[in-house]
C-alpha atoms as a PDB file:
ATOM      1  CA  UNK A   1     -12.606  -1.588   4.888  1.00  0.00           C
ATOM      2  CA  UNK A   2      -9.574  -3.549   5.976  1.00  0.00           C
ATOM      3  CA  UNK A   3      -7.882  -5.816   3.483  1.00  0.00           C
ATOM      4  CA  UNK A   4      -6.213  -9.145   4.242  1.00  0.00           C
ATOM      5  CA  UNK A   5      -3.186 -10.862   2.713  1.00  0.00           C
ATOM      6  CA  UNK A   6      -3.869 -12.174  -0.799  1.00  0.00           C
ATOM      7  CA  UNK A   7      -6.945  -9.964  -1.344  1.00  0.00           C
ATOM      8  CA  UNK A   8      -7.116  -8.685  -4.912  1.00  0.00           C
ATOM      9  CA  UNK A   9      -7.442  -4.905  -5.155  1.00  0.00           C
ATOM     10  CA  UNK A  10      -7.499  -2.064  -7.668  1.00  0.00           C
ATOM     11  CA  UNK A  11      -5.726   1.288  -7.321  1.00  0.00           C
ATOM     12  CA  UNK A  12      -7.977   4.344  -7.388  1.00  0.00           C
ATOM     13  CA  UNK A  13      -5.165   6.699  -8.448  1.00  0.00           C
ATOM     14  CA  UNK A  14      -1.799   6.541 -10.168  1.00  0.00           C
ATOM     15  CA  UNK A  15       0.703   5.206  -7.623  1.00  0.00           C
ATOM     16  CA  UNK A  16       3.924   5.250  -9.638  1.00  0.00           C
ATOM     17  CA  UNK A  17       5.167   5.623 -13.189  1.00  0.00           C
ATOM     18  CA  UNK A  18       4.395   1.926 -13.740  1.00  0.00           C
ATOM     19  CA  UNK A  19       1.113   1.716 -11.772  1.00  0.00           C
ATOM     20  CA  UNK A  20      -1.630   3.886 -13.298  1.00  0.00           C
ATOM     21  CA  UNK A  21      -5.055   4.367 -11.788  1.00  0.00           C
ATOM     22  CA  UNK A  22      -7.157   1.203 -12.062  1.00  0.00           C
ATOM     23  CA  UNK A  23      -4.222  -1.223 -11.820  1.00  0.00           C
ATOM     24  CA  UNK A  24      -4.934  -4.672 -10.369  1.00  0.00           C
ATOM     25  CA  UNK A  25      -2.839  -5.911  -7.461  1.00  0.00           C
ATOM     26  CA  UNK A  26      -2.571  -8.496  -4.708  1.00  0.00           C
ATOM     27  CA  UNK A  27      -1.969  -7.700  -1.038  1.00  0.00           C
ATOM     28  CA  UNK A  28       1.332  -9.352  -0.044  1.00  0.00           C
ATOM     29  CA  UNK A  29       1.670  -7.988   3.484  1.00  0.00           C
ATOM     30  CA  UNK A  30      -0.612  -6.110   5.865  1.00  0.00           C
ATOM     31  CA  UNK A  31       1.003  -3.331   7.920  1.00  0.00           C
ATOM     32  CA  UNK A  32       0.082  -2.590  11.506  1.00  0.00           C
ATOM     33  CA  UNK A  33      -3.390  -1.280  12.328  1.00  0.00           C
ATOM     34  CA  UNK A  34      -2.121   2.254  12.966  1.00  0.00           C
ATOM     35  CA  UNK A  35      -0.524   2.729   9.547  1.00  0.00           C
ATOM     36  CA  UNK A  36      -3.332   1.212   7.444  1.00  0.00           C
ATOM     37  CA  UNK A  37      -0.789   0.414   4.746  1.00  0.00           C
ATOM     38  CA  UNK A  38      -0.220  -2.652   2.602  1.00  0.00           C
ATOM     39  CA  UNK A  39       2.550  -4.098   0.480  1.00  0.00           C
ATOM     40  CA  UNK A  40       0.914  -4.690  -2.902  1.00  0.00           C
ATOM     41  CA  UNK A  41       2.181  -6.399  -6.056  1.00  0.00           C
ATOM     42  CA  UNK A  42       0.570  -4.815  -9.108  1.00  0.00           C
ATOM     43  CA  UNK A  43       0.372  -6.956 -12.241  1.00  0.00           C
ATOM     44  CA  UNK A  44      -0.804  -6.753 -15.834  1.00  0.00           C
ATOM     45  CA  UNK A  45      -0.943  -9.709 -18.230  1.00  0.00           C
ATOM     46  CA  UNK A  46       1.039 -11.835 -15.755  1.00  0.00           C
ATOM     47  CA  UNK A  47       3.898  -9.316 -15.512  1.00  0.00           C
ATOM     48  CA  UNK A  48       4.740  -7.441 -12.320  1.00  0.00           C
ATOM     49  CA  UNK A  49       4.383  -3.685 -12.791  1.00  0.00           C
ATOM     50  CA  UNK A  50       5.680  -2.737  -9.355  1.00  0.00           C
ATOM     51  CA  UNK A  51       5.603  -3.714  -5.680  1.00  0.00           C
ATOM     52  CA  UNK A  52       4.633  -0.761  -3.504  1.00  0.00           C
ATOM     53  CA  UNK A  53       3.626   0.172   0.012  1.00  0.00           C
ATOM     54  CA  UNK A  54       0.139   1.610  -0.448  1.00  0.00           C
ATOM     55  CA  UNK A  55      -2.292   3.377   1.878  1.00  0.00           C
ATOM     56  CA  UNK A  56      -5.694   1.776   2.383  1.00  0.00           C
ATOM     57  CA  UNK A  57      -7.379   4.923   1.062  1.00  0.00           C
ATOM     58  CA  UNK A  58      -5.751   4.368  -2.362  1.00  0.00           C
ATOM     59  CA  UNK A  59      -7.278   0.895  -2.851  1.00  0.00           C
ATOM     60  CA  UNK A  60     -10.683  -0.650  -3.498  1.00  0.00           C
ATOM     61  CA  UNK A  61     -11.649  -4.324  -3.794  1.00  0.00           C
ATOM     62  CA  UNK A  62     -11.150  -5.702  -7.319  1.00  0.00           C
ATOM     63  CA  UNK A  63     -14.409  -6.375  -9.134  1.00  0.00           C
ATOM     64  CA  UNK A  64     -14.470  -7.919 -12.626  1.00  0.00           C
END
């Protein structure tokens, strides 16, 4: 599945000290088709946890 800018996603593994598995984020920028990477802002309770470049394989669509 390819994500688009502003899609809301969830991490399927811990991505950094501040972004544990299951963190909610928004796609800010889509990398080129070859890299399948995204710039994602992860948030919790309205506070930014981190902004990371993330591989597509580490994300799933956010479902409430």
